PDB file of N, CA and C in Angstrom:
ATOM      1  N   MET A   1       0.819  -1.174   0.023  1.00  0.00           N
ATOM      2  CA  MET A   1       0.149  -0.069  -0.458  1.00  0.00           C
ATOM      3  C   MET A   1       0.857   1.385  -0.023  1.00  0.00           C
ATOM      4  N   VAL A   2       2.035   1.198   0.510  1.00  0.00           N
ATOM      5  CA  VAL A   2       2.970   2.281   0.626  1.00  0.00           C
ATOM      6  C   VAL A   2       3.304   2.690  -0.589  1.00  0.00           C
ATOM      7  N   GLU A   3       3.763   1.604  -1.516  1.00  0.00           N
ATOM      8  CA  GLU A   3       3.866   2.113  -3.007  1.00  0.00           C
ATOM      9  C   GLU A   3       2.526   2.698  -3.825  1.00  0.00           C
ATOM     10  N   ALA A   4       1.658   2.424  -3.374  1.00  0.00           N
ATOM     11  CA  ALA A   4       0.149   2.894  -4.217  1.00  0.00           C
ATOM     12  C   ALA A   4       0.212   4.457  -3.665  1.00  0.00           C
ATOM     13  N   GLN A   5       0.176   4.913  -2.371  1.00  0.00           N
ATOM     14  CA  GLN A   5       0.155   5.959  -1.749  1.00  0.00           C
ATOM     15  C   GLN A   5       1.244   6.763  -2.372  1.00  0.00           C
ATOM     16  N   SER A   6       2.529   6.523  -2.551  1.00  0.00           N
ATOM     17  CA  SER A   6       3.820   7.162  -3.067  1.00  0.00           C
ATOM     18  C   SER A   6       3.321   7.810  -4.204  1.00  0.00           C
ATOM     19  N   ILE A   7       3.017   7.001  -5.348  1.00  0.00           N
ATOM     20  CA  ILE A   7       2.561   7.039  -6.707  1.00  0.00           C
ATOM     21  C   ILE A   7       1.360   7.854  -6.812  1.00  0.00           C
ATOM     22  N   ALA A   8       0.537   7.774  -6.018  1.00  0.00           N
ATOM     23  CA  ALA A   8      -0.662   8.674  -6.101  1.00  0.00           C
ATOM     24  C   ALA A   8      -0.649  10.061  -5.752  1.00  0.00           C
ATOM     25  N   GLN A   9       0.732  10.778  -5.241  1.00  0.00           N
ATOM     26  CA  GLN A   9       0.904  12.209  -5.032  1.00  0.00           C
ATOM     27  C   GLN A   9       1.309  12.643  -6.337  1.00  0.00           C
ATOM     28  N   PHE A  10       1.670  11.686  -7.351  1.00  0.00           N
ATOM     29  CA  PHE A  10       1.935  12.434  -8.581  1.00  0.00           C
ATOM     30  C   PHE A  10       0.897  12.935  -9.583  1.00  0.00           C
ATOM     31  N   GLY A  11      -0.350  12.516  -9.056  1.00  0.00           N
ATOM     32  CA  GLY A  11      -1.350  12.932  -9.693  1.00  0.00           C
ATOM     33  C   GLY A  11      -1.435  12.962 -11.202  1.00  0.00           C
ATOM     34  N   LYS A  12      -1.521  14.069 -11.973  1.00  0.00           N
ATOM     35  CA  LYS A  12      -1.627  14.317 -13.299  1.00  0.00           C
ATOM     36  C   LYS A  12       0.098  14.291 -14.130  1.00  0.00           C
ATOM     37  N   ALA A  13       1.072  13.672 -13.426  1.00  0.00           N
ATOM     38  CA  ALA A  13       2.321  13.947 -14.001  1.00  0.00           C
ATOM     39  C   ALA A  13       1.882  13.145 -15.422  1.00  0.00           C
ATOM     40  N   LYS A  14       2.680  13.354 -16.624  1.00  0.00           N
ATOM     41  CA  LYS A  14       2.399  13.250 -17.606  1.00  0.00           C
ATOM     42  C   LYS A  14       3.231  11.599 -18.050  1.00  0.00           C
ATOM     43  N   ASP A  15       4.250  11.443 -17.425  1.00  0.00           N
ATOM     44  CA  ASP A  15       5.134  10.456 -17.526  1.00  0.00           C
ATOM     45  C   ASP A  15       4.997   9.461 -16.375  1.00  0.00           C
ATOM     46  N   ILE A  16       4.213   9.664 -15.387  1.00  0.00           N
ATOM     47  CA  ILE A  16       3.572   8.626 -14.174  1.00  0.00           C
ATOM     48  C   ILE A  16       2.337   8.174 -14.415  1.00  0.00           C
ATOM     49  N   VAL A  17       2.043   6.735 -14.158  1.00  0.00           N
ATOM     50  CA  VAL A  17       1.072   6.519 -14.252  1.00  0.00           C
ATOM     51  C   VAL A  17      -0.222   7.096 -13.280  1.00  0.00           C
ATOM     52  N   ASN A  18      -1.309   7.407 -13.463  1.00  0.00           N
ATOM     53  CA  ASN A  18      -2.246   7.833 -12.303  1.00  0.00           C
ATOM     54  C   ASN A  18      -2.685   6.543 -11.375  1.00  0.00           C
ATOM     55  N   VAL A  19      -2.432   6.963 -10.109  1.00  0.00           N
ATOM     56  CA  VAL A  19      -3.412   5.782  -9.252  1.00  0.00           C
ATOM     57  C   VAL A  19      -4.382   6.791  -8.576  1.00  0.00           C
ATOM     58  N   TYR A  20      -5.799   6.022  -9.078  1.00  0.00           N
ATOM     59  CA  TYR A  20      -7.000   6.573  -8.422  1.00  0.00           C
ATOM     60  C   TYR A  20      -7.379   5.835  -7.225  1.00  0.00           C
ATOM     61  N   ASP A  21      -6.952   4.746  -6.930  1.00  0.00           N
ATOM     62  CA  ASP A  21      -7.541   4.149  -5.498  1.00  0.00           C
ATOM     63  C   ASP A  21      -6.444   3.217  -5.236  1.00  0.00           C
ATOM     64  N   TYR A  22      -6.578   2.937  -3.968  1.00  0.00           N
ATOM     65  CA  TYR A  22      -5.995   1.796  -3.442  1.00  0.00           C
ATOM     66  C   TYR A  22      -6.852   1.235  -2.365  1.00  0.00           C
ATOM     67  N   PHE A  23      -6.369  -0.201  -1.876  1.00  0.00           N
ATOM     68  CA  PHE A  23      -7.277  -0.648  -0.746  1.00  0.00           C
ATOM     69  C   PHE A  23      -6.924  -2.157  -0.601  1.00  0.00           C
ATOM     70  N   GLU A  24      -6.958  -2.703   0.519  1.00  0.00           N
ATOM     71  CA  GLU A  24      -6.736  -4.263   0.998  1.00  0.00           C
ATOM     72  C   GLU A  24      -7.882  -4.973   0.860  1.00  0.00           C
ATOM     73  N   GLU A  25      -8.236  -6.326   0.454  1.00  0.00           N
ATOM     74  CA  GLU A  25      -9.312  -6.979   0.805  1.00  0.00           C
ATOM     75  C   GLU A  25      -8.625  -8.493   0.579  1.00  0.00           C
ATOM     76  N   ASN A  26      -9.353  -9.248   1.409  1.00  0.00           N
ATOM     77  CA  ASN A  26      -8.545 -10.729   1.196  1.00  0.00           C
ATOM     78  C   ASN A  26      -7.197 -10.887   1.633  1.00  0.00           C
ATOM     79  N   ASN A  27      -6.685 -10.238   2.273  1.00  0.00           N
ATOM     80  CA  ASN A  27      -5.110 -10.221   2.514  1.00  0.00           C
ATOM     81  C   ASN A  27      -4.511  -9.953   1.214  1.00  0.00           C
ATOM     82  N   THR A  28      -4.766  -8.930   0.392  1.00  0.00           N
ATOM     83  CA  THR A  28      -4.465  -8.581  -1.119  1.00  0.00           C
ATOM     84  C   THR A  28      -4.391  -7.200  -1.025  1.00  0.00           C
ATOM     85  N   ALA A  29      -3.456  -6.336  -1.635  1.00  0.00           N
ATOM     86  CA  ALA A  29      -3.362  -4.721  -1.973  1.00  0.00           C
ATOM     87  C   ALA A  29      -4.105  -4.966  -3.457  1.00  0.00           C
ATOM     88  N   TYR A  30      -4.462  -4.134  -3.705  1.00  0.00           N
ATOM     89  CA  TYR A  30      -5.360  -3.738  -5.071  1.00  0.00           C
ATOM     90  C   TYR A  30      -4.970  -2.083  -5.302  1.00  0.00           C
ATOM     91  N   ILE A  31      -4.489  -1.853  -6.667  1.00  0.00           N
ATOM     92  CA  ILE A  31      -4.188  -0.551  -7.131  1.00  0.00           C
ATOM     93  C   ILE A  31      -5.066  -0.250  -8.131  1.00  0.00           C
ATOM     94  N   ILE A  32      -5.705   0.717  -8.124  1.00  0.00           N
ATOM     95  CA  ILE A  32      -6.633   1.139  -9.148  1.00  0.00           C
ATOM     96  C   ILE A  32      -5.948   1.952 -10.040  1.00  0.00           C
ATOM     97  N   MET A  33      -5.416   2.024 -11.204  1.00  0.00           N
ATOM     98  CA  MET A  33      -4.571   2.460 -12.195  1.00  0.00           C
ATOM     99  C   MET A  33      -5.288   3.149 -12.925  1.00  0.00           C
ATOM    100  N   GLU A  34      -4.838   4.367 -13.926  1.00  0.00           N
ATOM    101  CA  GLU A  34      -5.322   4.828 -15.181  1.00  0.00           C
ATOM    102  C   GLU A  34      -5.038   3.663 -16.088  1.00  0.00           C
ATOM    103  N   TYR A  35      -5.926   3.646 -17.112  1.00  0.00           N
ATOM    104  CA  TYR A  35      -5.593   2.722 -18.276  1.00  0.00           C
ATOM    105  C   TYR A  35      -4.908   3.350 -19.266  1.00  0.00           C
ATOM    106  N   ILE A  36      -3.860   2.797 -19.666  1.00  0.00           N
ATOM    107  CA  ILE A  36      -2.959   3.462 -20.757  1.00  0.00           C
ATOM    108  C   ILE A  36      -2.938   2.479 -21.998  1.00  0.00           C
ATOM    109  N   ASP A  37      -3.585   3.386 -23.180  1.00  0.00           N
ATOM    110  CA  ASP A  37      -3.472   2.882 -24.284  1.00  0.00           C
ATOM    111  C   ASP A  37      -2.156   2.829 -25.073  1.00  0.00           C
ATOM    112  N   GLY A  38      -1.388   1.814 -24.955  1.00  0.00           N
ATOM    113  CA  GLY A  38      -0.272   1.529 -25.836  1.00  0.00           C
ATOM    114  C   GLY A  38       0.341   0.191 -25.716  1.00  0.00           C
ATOM    115  N   VAL A  39       1.833  -0.093 -25.614  1.00  0.00           N
ATOM    116  CA  VAL A  39       2.189  -1.165 -25.566  1.00  0.00           C
ATOM    117  C   VAL A  39       3.466  -1.319 -24.807  1.00  0.00           C
ATOM    118  N   LEU A  40       3.780  -2.560 -23.925  1.00  0.00           N
ATOM    119  CA  LEU A  40       4.580  -2.609 -22.952  1.00  0.00           C
ATOM    120  C   LEU A  40       6.011  -2.444 -23.701  1.00  0.00           C
ATOM    121  N   LEU A  41       6.875  -2.077 -23.075  1.00  0.00           N
ATOM    122  CA  LEU A  41       8.243  -1.820 -23.724  1.00  0.00           C
ATOM    123  C   LEU A  41       8.813  -3.337 -24.294  1.00  0.00           C
ATOM    124  N   LYS A  42       8.659  -4.287 -23.078  1.00  0.00           N
ATOM    125  CA  LYS A  42       9.148  -5.832 -23.304  1.00  0.00           C
ATOM    126  C   LYS A  42       8.469  -6.091 -24.736  1.00  0.00           C
ATOM    127  N   ASP A  43       7.046  -5.740 -25.135  1.00  0.00           N
ATOM    128  CA  ASP A  43       6.450  -6.648 -26.235  1.00  0.00           C
ATOM    129  C   ASP A  43       7.087  -5.289 -27.379  1.00  0.00           C
ATOM    130  N   TYR A  44       7.371  -4.035 -27.254  1.00  0.00           N
ATOM    131  CA  TYR A  44       7.545  -3.378 -28.280  1.00  0.00           C
ATOM    132  C   TYR A  44       8.960  -3.744 -28.663  1.00  0.00           C
ATOM    133  N   LEU A  45       9.941  -4.178 -27.629  1.00  0.00           N
ATOM    134  CA  LEU A  45      11.190  -4.450 -28.401  1.00  0.00           C
ATOM    135  C   LEU A  45      11.215  -5.816 -28.756  1.00  0.00           C
ATOM    136  N   GLU A  46      10.276  -7.007 -28.515  1.00  0.00           N
ATOM    137  CA  GLU A  46      10.285  -8.292 -29.151  1.00  0.00           C
ATOM    138  C   GLU A  46       9.854  -7.818 -30.627  1.00  0.00           C
ATOM    139  N   LYS A  47       8.992  -6.999 -30.569  1.00  0.00           N
ATOM    140  CA  LYS A  47       8.073  -7.050 -32.168  1.00  0.00           C
ATOM    141  C   LYS A  47       9.326  -6.361 -32.831  1.00  0.00           C
ATOM    142  N   GLN A  48      10.096  -5.161 -32.482  1.00  0.00           N
ATOM    143  CA  GLN A  48      10.965  -4.393 -33.322  1.00  0.00           C
ATOM    144  C   GLN A  48      12.524  -4.961 -33.518  1.00  0.00           C
ATOM    145  N   GLY A  49      13.092  -6.101 -32.433  1.00  0.00           N
ATOM    146  CA  GLY A  49      13.997  -6.743 -32.607  1.00  0.00           C
ATOM    147  C   GLY A  49      14.852  -5.530 -32.009  1.00  0.00           C
ATOM    148  N   ARG A  50      16.177  -5.130 -32.408  1.00  0.00           N
ATOM    149  CA  ARG A  50      17.276  -4.448 -31.833  1.00  0.00           C
ATOM    150  C   ARG A  50      16.543  -2.921 -32.327  1.00  0.00           C
ATOM    151  N   ILE A  51      17.038  -2.241 -31.512  1.00  0.00           N
ATOM    152  CA  ILE A  51      16.879  -0.518 -32.117  1.00  0.00           C
ATOM    153  C   ILE A  51      18.460  -0.069 -32.107  1.00  0.00           C
ATOM    154  N   HIS A  52      18.433   0.159 -33.605  1.00  0.00           N
ATOM    155  CA  HIS A  52      19.982   0.948 -33.463  1.00  0.00           C
ATOM    156  C   HIS A  52      19.617   2.519 -33.738  1.00  0.00           C
ATOM    157  N   ASP A  53      18.548   2.999 -33.646  1.00  0.00           N
ATOM    158  CA  ASP A  53      18.364   4.475 -34.026  1.00  0.00           C
ATOM    159  C   ASP A  53      18.430   5.346 -32.549  1.00  0.00           C
ATOM    160  N   MET A  54      19.564   6.080 -32.548  1.00  0.00           N
ATOM    161  CA  MET A  54      19.424   6.564 -31.242  1.00  0.00           C
ATOM    162  C   MET A  54      18.455   7.545 -31.066  1.00  0.00           C
ATOM    163  N   ASP A  55      17.854   8.244 -32.220  1.00  0.00           N
ATOM    164  CA  ASP A  55      16.496   8.978 -31.682  1.00  0.00           C
ATOM    165  C   ASP A  55      15.356   8.293 -31.146  1.00  0.00           C
ATOM    166  N   THR A  56      15.432   7.009 -31.642  1.00  0.00           N
ATOM    167  CA  THR A  56      14.298   5.951 -31.002  1.00  0.00           C
ATOM    168  C   THR A  56      14.731   5.749 -29.587  1.00  0.00           C
ATOM    169  N   VAL A  57      15.542   5.181 -29.037  1.00  0.00           N
ATOM    170  CA  VAL A  57      16.307   5.151 -27.700  1.00  0.00           C
ATOM    171  C   VAL A  57      15.883   6.279 -27.110  1.00  0.00           C
ATOM    172  N   LEU A  58      16.387   7.301 -27.547  1.00  0.00           N
ATOM    173  CA  LEU A  58      16.204   8.496 -26.343  1.00  0.00           C
ATOM    174  C   LEU A  58      14.708   8.857 -26.155  1.00  0.00           C
ATOM    175  N   SER A  59      14.135   8.619 -27.283  1.00  0.00           N
ATOM    176  CA  SER A  59      12.694   9.252 -27.228  1.00  0.00           C
ATOM    177  C   SER A  59      11.784   8.145 -26.133  1.00  0.00           C
ATOM    178  N   ILE A  60      12.330   6.978 -25.893  1.00  0.00           N
ATOM    179  CA  ILE A  60      11.892   5.933 -25.105  1.00  0.00           C
ATOM    180  C   ILE A  60      12.492   6.015 -23.570  1.00  0.00           C
ATOM    181  N   ILE A  61      13.560   6.419 -23.581  1.00  0.00           N
ATOM    182  CA  ILE A  61      14.389   6.410 -22.260  1.00  0.00           C
ATOM    183  C   ILE A  61      14.251   7.761 -21.558  1.00  0.00           C
ATOM    184  N   THR A  62      14.578   8.815 -22.328  1.00  0.00           N
ATOM    185  CA  THR A  62      14.133   9.976 -21.760  1.00  0.00           C
ATOM    186  C   THR A  62      12.778  10.286 -20.887  1.00  0.00           C
ATOM    187  N   PRO A  63      11.670   9.808 -21.455  1.00  0.00           N
ATOM    188  CA  PRO A  63      10.645   9.929 -20.220  1.00  0.00           C
ATOM    189  C   PRO A  63      10.679   9.207 -19.079  1.00  0.00           C
ATOM    190  N   VAL A  64      11.393   7.913 -19.222  1.00  0.00           N
ATOM    191  CA  VAL A  64      11.491   7.109 -18.010  1.00  0.00           C
ATOM    192  C   VAL A  64      12.538   7.861 -17.040  1.00  0.00           C
ATOM    193  N   ILE A  65      13.727   8.494 -17.549  1.00  0.00           N
ATOM    194  CA  ILE A  65      14.805   9.395 -16.925  1.00  0.00           C
ATOM    195  C   ILE A  65      13.930  10.253 -16.170  1.00  0.00           C
ATOM    196  N   GLU A  66      13.015  11.085 -16.839  1.00  0.00           N
ATOM    197  CA  GLU A  66      12.450  12.399 -16.037  1.00  0.00           C
ATOM    198  C   GLU A  66      11.677  11.802 -14.962  1.00  0.00           C
ATOM    199  N   ALA A  67      10.830  10.673 -15.245  1.00  0.00           N
ATOM    200  CA  ALA A  67       9.937  10.143 -14.301  1.00  0.00           C
ATOM    201  C   ALA A  67      10.590   9.677 -12.891  1.00  0.00           C
ATOM    202  N   VAL A  68      11.620   8.896 -13.317  1.00  0.00           N
ATOM    203  CA  VAL A  68      12.587   8.690 -11.951  1.00  0.00           C
ATOM    204  C   VAL A  68      13.064   9.851 -11.359  1.00  0.00           C
ATOM    205  N   LYS A  69      13.618  10.945 -11.868  1.00  0.00           N
ATOM    206  CA  LYS A  69      14.049  12.087 -11.586  1.00  0.00           C
ATOM    207  C   LYS A  69      13.063  12.508 -10.578  1.00  0.00           C
ATOM    208  N   LYS A  70      11.746  12.781 -11.072  1.00  0.00           N
ATOM    209  CA  LYS A  70      10.668  13.284 -10.130  1.00  0.00           C
ATOM    210  C   LYS A  70      10.421  12.392  -8.971  1.00  0.00           C
ATOM    211  N   ILE A  71      10.299  11.306  -9.262  1.00  0.00           N
ATOM    212  CA  ILE A  71       9.874  10.235  -7.917  1.00  0.00           C
ATOM    213  C   ILE A  71      11.030  10.095  -7.039  1.00  0.00           C
ATOM    214  N   HIS A  72      12.324  10.330  -7.614  1.00  0.00           N
ATOM    215  CA  HIS A  72      13.543  10.450  -6.659  1.00  0.00           C
ATOM    216  C   HIS A  72      13.424  11.777  -5.773  1.00  0.00           C
ATOM    217  N   ALA A  73      13.008  12.772  -6.387  1.00  0.00           N
ATOM    218  CA  ALA A  73      13.030  13.946  -5.460  1.00  0.00           C
ATOM    219  C   ALA A  73      12.241  13.936  -4.751  1.00  0.00           C
ATOM    220  N   LYS A  74      11.222  13.273  -4.391  1.00  0.00           N
ATOM    221  CA  LYS A  74      10.308  13.082  -3.192  1.00  0.00           C
ATOM    222  C   LYS A  74      10.632  12.169  -2.322  1.00  0.00           C
ATOM    223  N   GLY A  75      12.136  11.545  -2.316  1.00  0.00           N
ATOM    224  CA  GLY A  75      12.549  10.636  -1.847  1.00  0.00           C
ATOM    225  C   GLY A  75      11.975   9.279  -1.874  1.00  0.00           C
ATOM    226  N   ILE A  76      11.372   8.850  -2.811  1.00  0.00           N
ATOM    227  CA  ILE A  76      10.852   7.603  -3.376  1.00  0.00           C
ATOM    228  C   ILE A  76      11.768   6.873  -4.397  1.00  0.00           C
ATOM    229  N   ILE A  77      12.141   5.609  -4.143  1.00  0.00           N
ATOM    230  CA  ILE A  77      12.912   4.664  -4.913  1.00  0.00           C
ATOM    231  C   ILE A  77      12.213   3.468  -5.541  1.00  0.00           C
ATOM    232  N   HIS A  78      12.159   3.646  -6.711  1.00  0.00           N
ATOM    233  CA  HIS A  78      11.281   2.620  -7.479  1.00  0.00           C
ATOM    234  C   HIS A  78      12.430   1.321  -7.798  1.00  0.00           C
ATOM    235  N   ARG A  79      11.799   0.195  -7.696  1.00  0.00           N
ATOM    236  CA  ARG A  79      12.760  -0.968  -7.209  1.00  0.00           C
ATOM    237  C   ARG A  79      12.385  -1.897  -8.297  1.00  0.00           C
ATOM    238  N   ASP A  80      11.614  -1.357  -9.368  1.00  0.00           N
ATOM    239  CA  ASP A  80      10.892  -2.511 -10.209  1.00  0.00           C
ATOM    240  C   ASP A  80      11.033  -1.819 -11.748  1.00  0.00           C
ATOM    241  N   ILE A  81      11.710  -1.011 -12.022  1.00  0.00           N
ATOM    242  CA  ILE A  81      11.856  -0.206 -13.501  1.00  0.00           C
ATOM    243  C   ILE A  81      12.484  -1.449 -14.321  1.00  0.00           C
ATOM    244  N   SER A  82      11.316  -1.987 -15.389  1.00  0.00           N
ATOM    245  CA  SER A  82      11.807  -2.872 -16.511  1.00  0.00           C
ATOM    246  C   SER A  82      11.236  -2.870 -17.562  1.00  0.00           C
ATOM    247  N   PRO A  83      11.312  -3.681 -18.535  1.00  0.00           N
ATOM    248  CA  PRO A  83      10.356  -3.435 -19.556  1.00  0.00           C
ATOM    249  C   PRO A  83       9.058  -4.065 -19.393  1.00  0.00           C
ATOM    250  N   ASP A  84       9.069  -4.571 -18.440  1.00  0.00           N
ATOM    251  CA  ASP A  84       7.553  -5.234 -17.969  1.00  0.00           C
ATOM    252  C   ASP A  84       6.633  -4.162 -17.579  1.00  0.00           C
ATOM    253  N   ASN A  85       6.983  -2.927 -16.880  1.00  0.00           N
ATOM    254  CA  ASN A  85       6.265  -2.097 -16.639  1.00  0.00           C
ATOM    255  C   ASN A  85       6.409  -0.746 -17.049  1.00  0.00           C
ATOM    256  N   ILE A  86       7.170  -0.663 -18.382  1.00  0.00           N
ATOM    257  CA  ILE A  86       6.980   0.765 -19.015  1.00  0.00           C
ATOM    258  C   ILE A  86       6.370   0.349 -20.333  1.00  0.00           C
ATOM    259  N   PHE A  87       5.320   1.397 -20.111  1.00  0.00           N
ATOM    260  CA  PHE A  87       4.370   1.613 -21.372  1.00  0.00           C
ATOM    261  C   PHE A  87       5.001   2.677 -22.504  1.00  0.00           C
ATOM    262  N   ILE A  88       4.671   2.288 -23.469  1.00  0.00           N
ATOM    263  CA  ILE A  88       4.790   3.546 -24.790  1.00  0.00           C
ATOM    264  C   ILE A  88       3.564   3.372 -25.372  1.00  0.00           C
ATOM    265  N   ALA A  89       2.896   4.891 -25.131  1.00  0.00           N
ATOM    266  CA  ALA A  89       1.756   4.940 -25.554  1.00  0.00           C
ATOM    267  C   ALA A  89       1.944   6.395 -27.023  1.00  0.00           C
ATOM    268  N   GLY A  90       0.829   6.144 -27.679  1.00  0.00           N
ATOM    269  CA  GLY A  90       1.032   7.354 -28.736  1.00  0.00           C
ATOM    270  C   GLY A  90       1.844   6.680 -30.000  1.00  0.00           C
ATOM    271  N   ASP A  91       2.180   7.456 -30.606  1.00  0.00           N
ATOM    272  CA  ASP A  91       2.827   7.122 -32.003  1.00  0.00           C
ATOM    273  C   ASP A  91       3.585   6.097 -31.924  1.00  0.00           C
ATOM    274  N   GLU A  92       4.352   5.967 -30.997  1.00  0.00           N
ATOM    275  CA  GLU A  92       5.429   5.055 -30.901  1.00  0.00           C
ATOM    276  C   GLU A  92       4.818   3.353 -30.420  1.00  0.00           C
ATOM    277  N   SER A  93       3.557   2.951 -30.256  1.00  0.00           N
ATOM    278  CA  SER A  93       2.979   1.786 -30.147  1.00  0.00           C
ATOM    279  C   SER A  93       2.658   1.259 -31.245  1.00  0.00           C
TER     280      SER A  93
END
């Protein structure tokens, strides 16, 4: 629940998913997050194969770095940054 509470404070940040609610039931924590119309970075990389274009690499990694900087500025450390939980939305999907 601490993770959900921490992320919820970022509200409408463009590069951090919105958390609308969180609760515990049946000894399980649930987080209600914004729906993102896009593709997981993991799936994007599998479909594209290797990316050799530096502009594409930077367009993917720069927003991730900016989001991490925002959460670190609030004293939060995200311990699960991976292609499994990074979405590419919009034109790149």
